[in-house]
N, C-alpha and C. Protein backbone atom coordinates (compact mmCIF):
# COMPACT_ATOMS: atom_id res chain seq x y z
N MET A 1 -45.82 -110.81 6.30
CA MET A 1 -46.03 -110.78 4.86
C MET A 1 -45.38 -112.02 4.23
N ARG A 2 -44.17 -112.35 4.68
CA ARG A 2 -43.47 -113.51 4.13
C ARG A 2 -44.23 -114.79 4.43
N LYS A 3 -44.75 -114.91 5.68
CA LYS A 3 -45.51 -116.11 6.05
C LYS A 3 -46.77 -116.25 5.21
N GLU A 4 -47.42 -115.11 4.93
CA GLU A 4 -48.63 -115.12 4.11
C GLU A 4 -48.33 -115.60 2.69
N ILE A 5 -47.24 -115.13 2.13
CA ILE A 5 -46.86 -115.53 0.78
C ILE A 5 -46.51 -117.02 0.75
N LEU A 6 -45.72 -117.46 1.74
CA LEU A 6 -45.35 -118.88 1.78
C LEU A 6 -46.55 -119.77 2.02
N ALA A 7 -47.49 -119.30 2.85
CA ALA A 7 -48.70 -120.10 3.10
C ALA A 7 -49.54 -120.23 1.84
N ASN A 8 -49.59 -119.16 1.06
CA ASN A 8 -50.36 -119.21 -0.18
C ASN A 8 -49.67 -120.06 -1.23
N MET A 9 -48.36 -120.14 -1.18
CA MET A 9 -47.62 -120.89 -2.20
C MET A 9 -47.44 -122.37 -1.83
N ALA A 10 -47.53 -122.70 -0.57
CA ALA A 10 -47.21 -124.05 -0.11
C ALA A 10 -48.01 -125.14 -0.81
N PRO A 11 -49.33 -125.04 -0.95
CA PRO A 11 -50.05 -126.15 -1.59
C PRO A 11 -49.71 -126.31 -3.08
N GLU A 12 -49.20 -125.26 -3.70
CA GLU A 12 -48.96 -125.31 -5.13
C GLU A 12 -47.50 -125.57 -5.50
N VAL A 13 -46.63 -125.82 -4.52
CA VAL A 13 -45.21 -126.00 -4.82
C VAL A 13 -45.02 -127.31 -5.56
N ASN A 14 -44.34 -127.19 -6.70
CA ASN A 14 -44.05 -128.36 -7.50
C ASN A 14 -42.64 -128.20 -8.05
N TYR A 15 -41.74 -129.07 -7.62
CA TYR A 15 -40.35 -128.94 -8.02
C TYR A 15 -40.01 -129.79 -9.24
N ASP A 16 -40.99 -130.49 -9.79
CA ASP A 16 -40.74 -131.31 -10.98
C ASP A 16 -41.03 -130.46 -12.22
N TYR A 17 -39.99 -129.80 -12.72
CA TYR A 17 -40.13 -128.94 -13.89
C TYR A 17 -39.78 -129.73 -15.14
N ASP A 18 -40.74 -129.77 -16.07
CA ASP A 18 -40.50 -130.47 -17.32
C ASP A 18 -39.71 -129.62 -18.30
N ASP A 19 -39.99 -128.35 -18.32
CA ASP A 19 -39.28 -127.45 -19.23
C ASP A 19 -39.17 -126.07 -18.59
N ASP A 20 -38.58 -125.15 -19.32
CA ASP A 20 -38.35 -123.80 -18.78
C ASP A 20 -39.63 -123.01 -18.60
N SER A 21 -40.68 -123.34 -19.34
CA SER A 21 -41.91 -122.56 -19.22
C SER A 21 -42.55 -122.74 -17.85
N ASP A 22 -42.40 -123.91 -17.23
CA ASP A 22 -42.94 -124.11 -15.88
C ASP A 22 -42.22 -123.23 -14.87
N ILE A 23 -40.92 -123.11 -15.00
CA ILE A 23 -40.13 -122.27 -14.10
C ILE A 23 -40.55 -120.81 -14.27
N VAL A 24 -40.70 -120.39 -15.51
CA VAL A 24 -41.09 -119.01 -15.79
C VAL A 24 -42.48 -118.73 -15.21
N ASP A 25 -43.41 -119.67 -15.39
CA ASP A 25 -44.76 -119.50 -14.85
C ASP A 25 -44.72 -119.35 -13.33
N ASP A 26 -43.92 -120.19 -12.65
CA ASP A 26 -43.82 -120.10 -11.20
C ASP A 26 -43.17 -118.79 -10.76
N LEU A 27 -42.17 -118.33 -11.50
CA LEU A 27 -41.53 -117.06 -11.16
C LEU A 27 -42.49 -115.89 -11.36
N VAL A 28 -43.28 -115.93 -12.42
CA VAL A 28 -44.26 -114.88 -12.66
C VAL A 28 -45.30 -114.87 -11.55
N GLU A 29 -45.75 -116.04 -11.16
CA GLU A 29 -46.74 -116.13 -10.09
C GLU A 29 -46.16 -115.62 -8.76
N ALA A 30 -44.93 -115.98 -8.46
CA ALA A 30 -44.29 -115.49 -7.24
C ALA A 30 -44.13 -113.98 -7.28
N GLY A 31 -43.77 -113.44 -8.44
CA GLY A 31 -43.64 -111.99 -8.57
C GLY A 31 -44.96 -111.28 -8.35
N GLN A 32 -46.05 -111.86 -8.85
CA GLN A 32 -47.36 -111.25 -8.65
C GLN A 32 -47.77 -111.31 -7.18
N LEU A 33 -47.42 -112.41 -6.49
CA LEU A 33 -47.73 -112.50 -5.07
C LEU A 33 -46.94 -111.49 -4.25
N LEU A 34 -45.70 -111.22 -4.65
CA LEU A 34 -44.87 -110.25 -3.94
C LEU A 34 -45.26 -108.81 -4.26
N LYS A 35 -45.79 -108.59 -5.44
CA LYS A 35 -46.09 -107.22 -5.88
C LYS A 35 -47.22 -106.60 -5.06
N GLU A 36 -48.24 -107.35 -4.77
CA GLU A 36 -49.40 -106.79 -4.08
C GLU A 36 -49.06 -106.26 -2.67
N PRO A 37 -48.41 -107.04 -1.80
CA PRO A 37 -48.07 -106.48 -0.49
C PRO A 37 -47.06 -105.33 -0.58
N PHE A 38 -46.15 -105.42 -1.54
CA PHE A 38 -45.17 -104.35 -1.71
C PHE A 38 -45.86 -103.05 -2.13
N ASP A 39 -46.80 -103.14 -3.07
CA ASP A 39 -47.54 -101.95 -3.49
C ASP A 39 -48.34 -101.35 -2.33
N LYS A 40 -48.93 -102.21 -1.48
CA LYS A 40 -49.67 -101.71 -0.32
C LYS A 40 -48.74 -100.98 0.64
N ALA A 41 -47.57 -101.56 0.89
CA ALA A 41 -46.62 -100.94 1.83
C ALA A 41 -46.11 -99.61 1.30
N ILE A 42 -45.77 -99.55 0.03
CA ILE A 42 -45.27 -98.30 -0.56
C ILE A 42 -46.38 -97.25 -0.59
N GLY A 43 -47.56 -97.65 -1.01
CA GLY A 43 -48.68 -96.71 -1.05
C GLY A 43 -49.02 -96.18 0.33
N HIS A 44 -48.98 -97.07 1.33
CA HIS A 44 -49.25 -96.67 2.71
C HIS A 44 -48.20 -95.70 3.20
N TYR A 45 -46.94 -95.94 2.87
CA TYR A 45 -45.86 -95.07 3.32
C TYR A 45 -46.02 -93.66 2.75
N PHE A 46 -46.30 -93.57 1.45
CA PHE A 46 -46.39 -92.25 0.84
C PHE A 46 -47.67 -91.51 1.22
N THR A 47 -48.75 -92.22 1.50
CA THR A 47 -49.97 -91.53 1.91
C THR A 47 -49.90 -91.12 3.38
N GLU A 48 -49.19 -91.87 4.20
CA GLU A 48 -49.08 -91.55 5.61
C GLU A 48 -48.01 -90.51 5.90
N ASN A 49 -47.02 -90.38 5.02
CA ASN A 49 -45.92 -89.46 5.26
C ASN A 49 -46.26 -88.11 4.65
N GLY A 50 -46.62 -87.17 5.49
CA GLY A 50 -47.02 -85.84 5.03
C GLY A 50 -45.89 -85.03 4.44
N PHE A 51 -44.66 -85.27 4.93
CA PHE A 51 -43.52 -84.50 4.44
C PHE A 51 -43.27 -84.76 2.96
N ILE A 52 -43.22 -86.03 2.56
CA ILE A 52 -42.94 -86.35 1.15
C ILE A 52 -44.10 -85.90 0.27
N THR A 53 -45.32 -86.05 0.74
CA THR A 53 -46.47 -85.60 -0.04
C THR A 53 -46.45 -84.09 -0.23
N ALA A 54 -46.12 -83.36 0.84
CA ALA A 54 -46.07 -81.90 0.74
C ALA A 54 -44.96 -81.44 -0.19
N VAL A 55 -43.79 -82.08 -0.09
CA VAL A 55 -42.67 -81.71 -0.97
C VAL A 55 -43.01 -82.01 -2.42
N THR A 56 -43.61 -83.16 -2.68
CA THR A 56 -43.98 -83.54 -4.03
C THR A 56 -45.00 -82.57 -4.62
N ASN A 57 -46.03 -82.23 -3.87
CA ASN A 57 -47.05 -81.28 -4.36
C ASN A 57 -46.46 -79.90 -4.60
N LEU A 58 -45.57 -79.46 -3.71
CA LEU A 58 -44.94 -78.16 -3.88
C LEU A 58 -44.09 -78.12 -5.14
N MET A 59 -43.30 -79.18 -5.36
CA MET A 59 -42.44 -79.23 -6.55
C MET A 59 -43.28 -79.29 -7.83
N LYS A 60 -44.35 -80.06 -7.81
CA LYS A 60 -45.21 -80.14 -9.00
C LYS A 60 -45.79 -78.78 -9.36
N SER A 61 -46.35 -78.09 -8.36
CA SER A 61 -46.97 -76.80 -8.65
C SER A 61 -45.93 -75.76 -9.06
N TRP A 62 -44.75 -75.82 -8.45
CA TRP A 62 -43.72 -74.84 -8.77
C TRP A 62 -43.15 -75.06 -10.17
N VAL A 63 -42.91 -76.32 -10.53
CA VAL A 63 -42.35 -76.62 -11.85
C VAL A 63 -43.34 -76.32 -12.96
N HIS A 64 -44.62 -76.64 -12.74
CA HIS A 64 -45.62 -76.36 -13.77
C HIS A 64 -45.82 -74.86 -13.98
N GLY A 65 -45.58 -74.07 -12.96
CA GLY A 65 -45.74 -72.63 -13.10
C GLY A 65 -44.48 -71.90 -13.50
N ASN A 66 -43.37 -72.62 -13.69
CA ASN A 66 -42.10 -71.97 -13.96
C ASN A 66 -41.38 -72.70 -15.09
N LYS A 67 -41.73 -72.36 -16.33
CA LYS A 67 -41.14 -73.02 -17.50
C LYS A 67 -39.65 -72.73 -17.64
N ALA A 68 -39.24 -71.53 -17.29
CA ALA A 68 -37.83 -71.17 -17.43
C ALA A 68 -36.95 -72.05 -16.56
N PHE A 69 -37.39 -72.32 -15.33
CA PHE A 69 -36.62 -73.21 -14.47
C PHE A 69 -36.54 -74.61 -15.05
N SER A 70 -37.64 -75.10 -15.60
CA SER A 70 -37.64 -76.44 -16.20
C SER A 70 -36.65 -76.53 -17.35
N ILE A 71 -36.61 -75.51 -18.17
CA ILE A 71 -35.68 -75.50 -19.30
C ILE A 71 -34.25 -75.43 -18.80
N LEU A 72 -34.00 -74.57 -17.82
CA LEU A 72 -32.64 -74.46 -17.27
C LEU A 72 -32.20 -75.74 -16.57
N ALA A 73 -33.12 -76.45 -15.95
CA ALA A 73 -32.77 -77.72 -15.31
C ALA A 73 -32.51 -78.81 -16.35
N LEU A 74 -33.14 -78.70 -17.51
CA LEU A 74 -32.95 -79.69 -18.57
C LEU A 74 -31.65 -79.49 -19.33
N LEU A 75 -31.14 -78.28 -19.40
CA LEU A 75 -29.94 -77.99 -20.19
C LEU A 75 -28.70 -78.78 -19.75
N PRO A 76 -28.40 -78.93 -18.46
CA PRO A 76 -27.22 -79.74 -18.10
C PRO A 76 -27.34 -81.20 -18.52
N LEU A 77 -28.55 -81.76 -18.47
CA LEU A 77 -28.74 -83.14 -18.94
C LEU A 77 -28.41 -83.25 -20.42
N LEU A 78 -28.94 -82.32 -21.19
CA LEU A 78 -28.68 -82.32 -22.63
C LEU A 78 -27.20 -82.06 -22.93
N THR A 79 -26.56 -81.22 -22.12
CA THR A 79 -25.14 -80.93 -22.31
C THR A 79 -24.30 -82.19 -22.10
N LEU A 80 -24.56 -82.91 -21.02
CA LEU A 80 -23.80 -84.15 -20.77
C LEU A 80 -24.08 -85.19 -21.85
N GLY A 81 -25.34 -85.33 -22.22
CA GLY A 81 -25.68 -86.29 -23.27
C GLY A 81 -25.01 -85.96 -24.59
N THR A 82 -24.98 -84.68 -24.94
CA THR A 82 -24.34 -84.25 -26.18
C THR A 82 -22.84 -84.49 -26.12
N ARG A 83 -22.24 -84.14 -25.00
CA ARG A 83 -20.78 -84.32 -24.86
C ARG A 83 -20.40 -85.78 -25.01
N TRP A 84 -21.15 -86.67 -24.37
CA TRP A 84 -20.81 -88.09 -24.42
C TRP A 84 -21.10 -88.73 -25.77
N SER A 85 -22.18 -88.31 -26.42
CA SER A 85 -22.53 -88.96 -27.68
C SER A 85 -21.76 -88.43 -28.88
N PHE A 86 -21.25 -87.20 -28.81
CA PHE A 86 -20.53 -86.62 -29.95
C PHE A 86 -19.04 -86.44 -29.68
N ARG A 87 -18.52 -87.09 -28.64
CA ARG A 87 -17.12 -86.90 -28.28
C ARG A 87 -16.15 -87.51 -29.28
N ARG A 88 -16.60 -88.41 -30.11
CA ARG A 88 -15.69 -89.05 -31.07
C ARG A 88 -15.76 -88.44 -32.46
N THR A 89 -16.53 -87.38 -32.61
CA THR A 89 -16.55 -86.68 -33.89
C THR A 89 -15.39 -85.69 -33.92
N PRO A 90 -14.91 -85.31 -35.10
CA PRO A 90 -13.77 -84.38 -35.16
C PRO A 90 -14.03 -83.06 -34.44
N ILE A 91 -15.21 -82.50 -34.60
CA ILE A 91 -15.51 -81.23 -33.94
C ILE A 91 -15.86 -81.46 -32.47
N GLY A 92 -16.51 -82.59 -32.16
CA GLY A 92 -16.89 -82.90 -30.79
C GLY A 92 -15.71 -83.03 -29.85
N ARG A 93 -14.57 -83.47 -30.35
CA ARG A 93 -13.37 -83.58 -29.52
C ARG A 93 -12.88 -82.22 -29.05
N ARG A 94 -13.11 -81.22 -29.87
CA ARG A 94 -12.59 -79.88 -29.55
C ARG A 94 -13.51 -79.08 -28.66
N LEU A 95 -14.79 -79.47 -28.55
CA LEU A 95 -15.74 -78.71 -27.74
C LEU A 95 -15.68 -79.15 -26.28
N ASN A 96 -15.63 -78.19 -25.39
CA ASN A 96 -15.68 -78.52 -23.97
C ASN A 96 -17.13 -78.44 -23.47
N LEU A 97 -17.34 -78.68 -22.19
CA LEU A 97 -18.70 -78.70 -21.66
C LEU A 97 -19.39 -77.33 -21.75
N THR A 98 -18.63 -76.27 -21.58
CA THR A 98 -19.23 -74.94 -21.67
C THR A 98 -19.75 -74.67 -23.07
N GLU A 99 -18.97 -75.03 -24.07
CA GLU A 99 -19.42 -74.84 -25.45
C GLU A 99 -20.62 -75.72 -25.77
N ASN A 100 -20.62 -76.94 -25.26
CA ASN A 100 -21.80 -77.80 -25.43
C ASN A 100 -23.02 -77.22 -24.72
N PHE A 101 -22.81 -76.62 -23.55
CA PHE A 101 -23.91 -75.99 -22.83
C PHE A 101 -24.52 -74.85 -23.65
N PHE A 102 -23.67 -74.01 -24.24
CA PHE A 102 -24.20 -72.90 -25.03
C PHE A 102 -24.85 -73.39 -26.32
N ALA A 103 -24.41 -74.51 -26.84
CA ALA A 103 -25.11 -75.10 -27.98
C ALA A 103 -26.52 -75.53 -27.56
N GLN A 104 -26.67 -76.08 -26.34
CA GLN A 104 -27.99 -76.47 -25.86
C GLN A 104 -28.88 -75.25 -25.60
N VAL A 105 -28.27 -74.17 -25.11
CA VAL A 105 -29.03 -72.94 -24.92
C VAL A 105 -29.54 -72.42 -26.27
N TYR A 106 -28.69 -72.47 -27.28
CA TYR A 106 -29.07 -72.05 -28.63
C TYR A 106 -30.24 -72.89 -29.14
N ILE A 107 -30.15 -74.21 -28.97
CA ILE A 107 -31.22 -75.09 -29.45
C ILE A 107 -32.52 -74.83 -28.66
N ALA A 108 -32.40 -74.63 -27.35
CA ALA A 108 -33.60 -74.34 -26.54
C ALA A 108 -34.25 -73.04 -26.99
N CYS A 109 -33.43 -72.05 -27.30
CA CYS A 109 -33.98 -70.78 -27.80
C CYS A 109 -34.66 -70.97 -29.15
N GLN A 110 -34.08 -71.80 -30.00
CA GLN A 110 -34.72 -72.10 -31.29
C GLN A 110 -36.09 -72.73 -31.07
N ILE A 111 -36.15 -73.68 -30.14
CA ILE A 111 -37.43 -74.35 -29.86
C ILE A 111 -38.45 -73.35 -29.34
N LEU A 112 -38.02 -72.46 -28.46
CA LEU A 112 -38.95 -71.45 -27.93
C LEU A 112 -39.42 -70.50 -29.03
N TRP A 113 -38.51 -70.08 -29.91
CA TRP A 113 -38.90 -69.20 -31.02
C TRP A 113 -39.88 -69.90 -31.96
N ILE A 114 -39.62 -71.14 -32.28
CA ILE A 114 -40.55 -71.88 -33.14
C ILE A 114 -41.90 -72.03 -32.45
N SER A 115 -41.89 -72.26 -31.13
CA SER A 115 -43.14 -72.35 -30.37
C SER A 115 -43.92 -71.05 -30.44
N LEU A 116 -43.19 -69.93 -30.34
CA LEU A 116 -43.86 -68.63 -30.45
C LEU A 116 -44.41 -68.39 -31.85
N LEU A 117 -43.67 -68.84 -32.86
CA LEU A 117 -44.13 -68.63 -34.24
C LEU A 117 -45.36 -69.46 -34.58
N ILE A 118 -45.46 -70.66 -34.01
CA ILE A 118 -46.63 -71.50 -34.33
C ILE A 118 -47.80 -71.25 -33.41
N LEU A 119 -47.60 -70.46 -32.35
CA LEU A 119 -48.69 -70.19 -31.39
C LEU A 119 -49.92 -69.58 -32.05
N PRO A 120 -49.79 -68.60 -32.96
CA PRO A 120 -51.01 -68.06 -33.58
C PRO A 120 -51.76 -69.10 -34.43
N PHE A 121 -51.05 -70.09 -34.96
CA PHE A 121 -51.71 -71.10 -35.80
C PHE A 121 -52.35 -72.20 -34.97
N THR A 122 -51.74 -72.54 -33.84
CA THR A 122 -52.32 -73.58 -32.99
C THR A 122 -53.36 -73.02 -32.04
N GLY A 123 -53.15 -71.78 -31.59
CA GLY A 123 -54.12 -71.13 -30.73
C GLY A 123 -54.10 -71.59 -29.29
N GLN A 124 -53.13 -72.41 -28.90
CA GLN A 124 -53.07 -72.85 -27.51
C GLN A 124 -51.62 -73.05 -27.09
N ALA A 125 -51.38 -72.80 -25.82
CA ALA A 125 -50.07 -73.02 -25.24
C ALA A 125 -50.16 -74.21 -24.29
N HIS A 126 -49.19 -75.07 -24.35
CA HIS A 126 -49.16 -76.26 -23.50
C HIS A 126 -48.47 -75.89 -22.19
N LEU A 127 -49.25 -75.64 -21.16
CA LEU A 127 -48.68 -75.19 -19.89
C LEU A 127 -48.00 -76.32 -19.13
N ASP A 128 -48.43 -77.56 -19.33
CA ASP A 128 -47.84 -78.66 -18.59
C ASP A 128 -46.56 -79.19 -19.24
N ASP A 129 -46.29 -78.84 -20.47
CA ASP A 129 -45.09 -79.30 -21.16
C ASP A 129 -44.01 -78.24 -21.08
N ILE A 130 -42.76 -78.69 -21.17
CA ILE A 130 -41.65 -77.74 -21.14
C ILE A 130 -41.66 -76.92 -22.42
N PHE A 131 -41.82 -77.60 -23.55
CA PHE A 131 -41.86 -76.92 -24.84
C PHE A 131 -43.22 -77.15 -25.47
N ASP A 132 -43.63 -76.23 -26.34
CA ASP A 132 -44.93 -76.36 -27.00
C ASP A 132 -44.88 -77.23 -28.25
N LEU A 133 -43.69 -77.60 -28.69
CA LEU A 133 -43.55 -78.45 -29.87
C LEU A 133 -43.70 -79.92 -29.47
N SER A 134 -44.03 -80.73 -30.46
CA SER A 134 -44.11 -82.16 -30.20
C SER A 134 -42.69 -82.72 -30.04
N TYR A 135 -42.60 -83.87 -29.40
CA TYR A 135 -41.28 -84.48 -29.19
C TYR A 135 -40.62 -84.87 -30.50
N GLU A 136 -41.42 -85.24 -31.49
CA GLU A 136 -40.86 -85.58 -32.80
C GLU A 136 -40.23 -84.36 -33.46
N ALA A 137 -40.92 -83.22 -33.36
CA ALA A 137 -40.38 -81.99 -33.96
C ALA A 137 -39.10 -81.55 -33.23
N ILE A 138 -39.08 -81.69 -31.93
CA ILE A 138 -37.88 -81.34 -31.16
C ILE A 138 -36.73 -82.27 -31.54
N PHE A 139 -37.02 -83.55 -31.68
CA PHE A 139 -35.98 -84.50 -32.07
C PHE A 139 -35.41 -84.15 -33.44
N LEU A 140 -36.28 -83.84 -34.40
CA LEU A 140 -35.80 -83.46 -35.73
C LEU A 140 -34.99 -82.18 -35.70
N LEU A 141 -35.37 -81.24 -34.86
CA LEU A 141 -34.58 -80.02 -34.71
C LEU A 141 -33.20 -80.31 -34.12
N PHE A 142 -33.14 -81.24 -33.16
CA PHE A 142 -31.85 -81.65 -32.62
C PHE A 142 -30.98 -82.29 -33.70
N VAL A 143 -31.58 -83.18 -34.50
CA VAL A 143 -30.83 -83.82 -35.58
C VAL A 143 -30.27 -82.77 -36.54
N TRP A 144 -31.10 -81.84 -36.91
CA TRP A 144 -30.69 -80.79 -37.85
C TRP A 144 -29.57 -79.93 -37.26
N ASP A 145 -29.75 -79.49 -36.02
CA ASP A 145 -28.73 -78.65 -35.38
C ASP A 145 -27.42 -79.40 -35.17
N TYR A 146 -27.51 -80.65 -34.73
CA TYR A 146 -26.28 -81.43 -34.52
C TYR A 146 -25.56 -81.70 -35.84
N ARG A 147 -26.34 -81.87 -36.90
CA ARG A 147 -25.72 -82.08 -38.21
C ARG A 147 -24.90 -80.85 -38.60
N GLN A 148 -25.46 -79.67 -38.37
CA GLN A 148 -24.75 -78.44 -38.70
C GLN A 148 -23.58 -78.19 -37.75
N LEU A 149 -23.79 -78.42 -36.47
CA LEU A 149 -22.77 -78.11 -35.48
C LEU A 149 -21.55 -79.04 -35.58
N PHE A 150 -21.79 -80.33 -35.77
CA PHE A 150 -20.70 -81.30 -35.75
C PHE A 150 -20.26 -81.73 -37.14
N GLY A 151 -20.88 -81.21 -38.19
CA GLY A 151 -20.48 -81.53 -39.56
C GLY A 151 -20.68 -82.99 -39.92
N LEU A 152 -21.81 -83.56 -39.54
CA LEU A 152 -22.09 -84.98 -39.79
C LEU A 152 -23.08 -85.13 -40.95
N THR A 153 -23.23 -86.37 -41.38
CA THR A 153 -24.28 -86.67 -42.36
C THR A 153 -25.61 -86.76 -41.62
N TRP A 154 -26.69 -86.81 -42.37
CA TRP A 154 -28.00 -86.93 -41.73
C TRP A 154 -28.10 -88.21 -40.92
N LYS A 155 -27.59 -89.31 -41.48
CA LYS A 155 -27.68 -90.61 -40.80
C LYS A 155 -26.85 -90.60 -39.51
N GLN A 156 -25.63 -90.09 -39.57
CA GLN A 156 -24.79 -90.03 -38.37
C GLN A 156 -25.43 -89.14 -37.31
N SER A 157 -25.96 -88.01 -37.72
CA SER A 157 -26.60 -87.10 -36.78
C SER A 157 -27.83 -87.73 -36.14
N PHE A 158 -28.60 -88.46 -36.94
CA PHE A 158 -29.80 -89.13 -36.43
C PHE A 158 -29.43 -90.14 -35.34
N TRP A 159 -28.48 -91.02 -35.62
CA TRP A 159 -28.11 -92.06 -34.66
C TRP A 159 -27.44 -91.49 -33.42
N ARG A 160 -26.62 -90.50 -33.60
CA ARG A 160 -25.96 -89.89 -32.43
C ARG A 160 -26.96 -89.11 -31.58
N THR A 161 -28.00 -88.57 -32.19
CA THR A 161 -29.05 -87.90 -31.42
C THR A 161 -29.84 -88.91 -30.60
N ILE A 162 -30.09 -90.08 -31.16
CA ILE A 162 -30.75 -91.15 -30.39
C ILE A 162 -29.87 -91.54 -29.20
N ILE A 163 -28.57 -91.68 -29.44
CA ILE A 163 -27.66 -92.02 -28.34
C ILE A 163 -27.66 -90.91 -27.29
N MET A 164 -27.70 -89.66 -27.73
CA MET A 164 -27.75 -88.53 -26.81
C MET A 164 -29.00 -88.61 -25.93
N CYS A 165 -30.13 -88.98 -26.52
CA CYS A 165 -31.38 -89.11 -25.75
C CYS A 165 -31.26 -90.21 -24.70
N TRP A 166 -30.62 -91.32 -25.05
CA TRP A 166 -30.42 -92.41 -24.09
C TRP A 166 -29.51 -91.96 -22.94
N TYR A 167 -28.45 -91.23 -23.26
CA TYR A 167 -27.57 -90.72 -22.20
C TYR A 167 -28.34 -89.77 -21.28
N CYS A 168 -29.16 -88.91 -21.86
CA CYS A 168 -29.95 -87.98 -21.04
C CYS A 168 -30.90 -88.75 -20.13
N LEU A 169 -31.53 -89.78 -20.66
CA LEU A 169 -32.43 -90.60 -19.85
C LEU A 169 -31.67 -91.29 -18.73
N LEU A 170 -30.48 -91.79 -19.02
CA LEU A 170 -29.67 -92.45 -18.00
C LEU A 170 -29.29 -91.48 -16.89
N VAL A 171 -28.84 -90.29 -17.24
CA VAL A 171 -28.48 -89.28 -16.24
C VAL A 171 -29.71 -88.88 -15.43
N LEU A 172 -30.85 -88.74 -16.08
CA LEU A 172 -32.08 -88.37 -15.39
C LEU A 172 -32.49 -89.44 -14.38
N VAL A 173 -32.38 -90.71 -14.76
CA VAL A 173 -32.72 -91.80 -13.84
C VAL A 173 -31.78 -91.79 -12.64
N ILE A 174 -30.50 -91.56 -12.88
CA ILE A 174 -29.54 -91.52 -11.77
C ILE A 174 -29.85 -90.36 -10.83
N ILE A 175 -30.12 -89.18 -11.39
CA ILE A 175 -30.42 -88.01 -10.56
C ILE A 175 -31.71 -88.23 -9.77
N CYS A 176 -32.74 -88.76 -10.42
CA CYS A 176 -34.01 -89.03 -9.72
C CYS A 176 -33.82 -90.06 -8.61
N SER A 177 -33.01 -91.07 -8.86
CA SER A 177 -32.75 -92.08 -7.83
C SER A 177 -32.06 -91.45 -6.63
N ILE A 178 -31.12 -90.56 -6.88
CA ILE A 178 -30.42 -89.89 -5.77
C ILE A 178 -31.39 -89.01 -4.99
N ILE A 179 -32.22 -88.24 -5.69
CA ILE A 179 -33.17 -87.35 -5.01
C ILE A 179 -34.18 -88.16 -4.20
N ILE A 180 -34.69 -89.23 -4.77
CA ILE A 180 -35.66 -90.06 -4.05
C ILE A 180 -35.00 -90.69 -2.82
N SER A 181 -33.76 -91.13 -2.97
CA SER A 181 -33.04 -91.70 -1.82
C SER A 181 -32.88 -90.68 -0.71
N ILE A 182 -32.52 -89.46 -1.07
CA ILE A 182 -32.35 -88.40 -0.07
C ILE A 182 -33.68 -88.09 0.62
N LEU A 183 -34.77 -88.03 -0.16
CA LEU A 183 -36.08 -87.76 0.44
C LEU A 183 -36.53 -88.88 1.37
N VAL A 184 -36.28 -90.11 0.98
CA VAL A 184 -36.66 -91.24 1.84
C VAL A 184 -35.84 -91.24 3.11
N ILE A 185 -34.53 -90.98 3.00
CA ILE A 185 -33.68 -90.91 4.19
C ILE A 185 -34.14 -89.77 5.10
N ALA A 186 -34.47 -88.62 4.51
CA ALA A 186 -34.95 -87.49 5.31
C ALA A 186 -36.27 -87.84 6.00
N ALA A 187 -37.16 -88.52 5.29
CA ALA A 187 -38.44 -88.90 5.88
C ALA A 187 -38.25 -89.87 7.04
N TYR A 188 -37.36 -90.86 6.85
CA TYR A 188 -37.07 -91.79 7.95
C TYR A 188 -36.42 -91.08 9.12
N ALA A 189 -35.54 -90.12 8.84
CA ALA A 189 -34.89 -89.38 9.91
C ALA A 189 -35.91 -88.55 10.70
N ILE A 190 -36.86 -87.98 10.00
CA ILE A 190 -37.90 -87.19 10.68
C ILE A 190 -38.78 -88.12 11.52
N GLN A 191 -39.13 -89.29 11.01
CA GLN A 191 -39.96 -90.22 11.76
C GLN A 191 -39.22 -90.76 12.97
N TRP A 192 -37.93 -91.05 12.85
CA TRP A 192 -37.15 -91.58 13.96
C TRP A 192 -36.94 -90.55 15.05
N SER A 193 -36.92 -89.27 14.66
CA SER A 193 -36.70 -88.23 15.66
C SER A 193 -37.94 -87.95 16.49
N LYS A 194 -39.10 -88.42 16.04
CA LYS A 194 -40.35 -88.17 16.79
C LYS A 194 -40.49 -89.11 17.93
């Protein structure tokens, strides 16, 4: 793969850069040349490895059919995000993780109740989503609840809720990276044992 990329790049190599745009163009071109073989290798690995495909399909079908588990799995992420983003507020200093967890349970129950109340008006339930409300409505509900819980102004609650969402995203990326690493190591271990 490396020889193929170098062979394709060799006639076009030019080290006389007049400005930064030439360097950027060459880097973009090199990235595009590297992306294609990498995508083929990754795609080949996941299509050829039955274990990862089976685990992925099983998890997808199980999560889509089990909303309660999805909500319960989401609560610790929201708890950590809330704890980290509101730790410098007067009330946030006094709340421990358990109290933050029960605040998230309360908010999740509110979202579910609102979803049940609007169900007759919308006439449809979103089976693929965790909650039936839009993300904007959920965000506004978080802002409102955090304003009441932590005694903040609307502006402070709004910005701290955005920070909470970023923390949740960061924790989710870390957890997904760990799970993917474990699955890849398990897949390699299974292949090496054959």
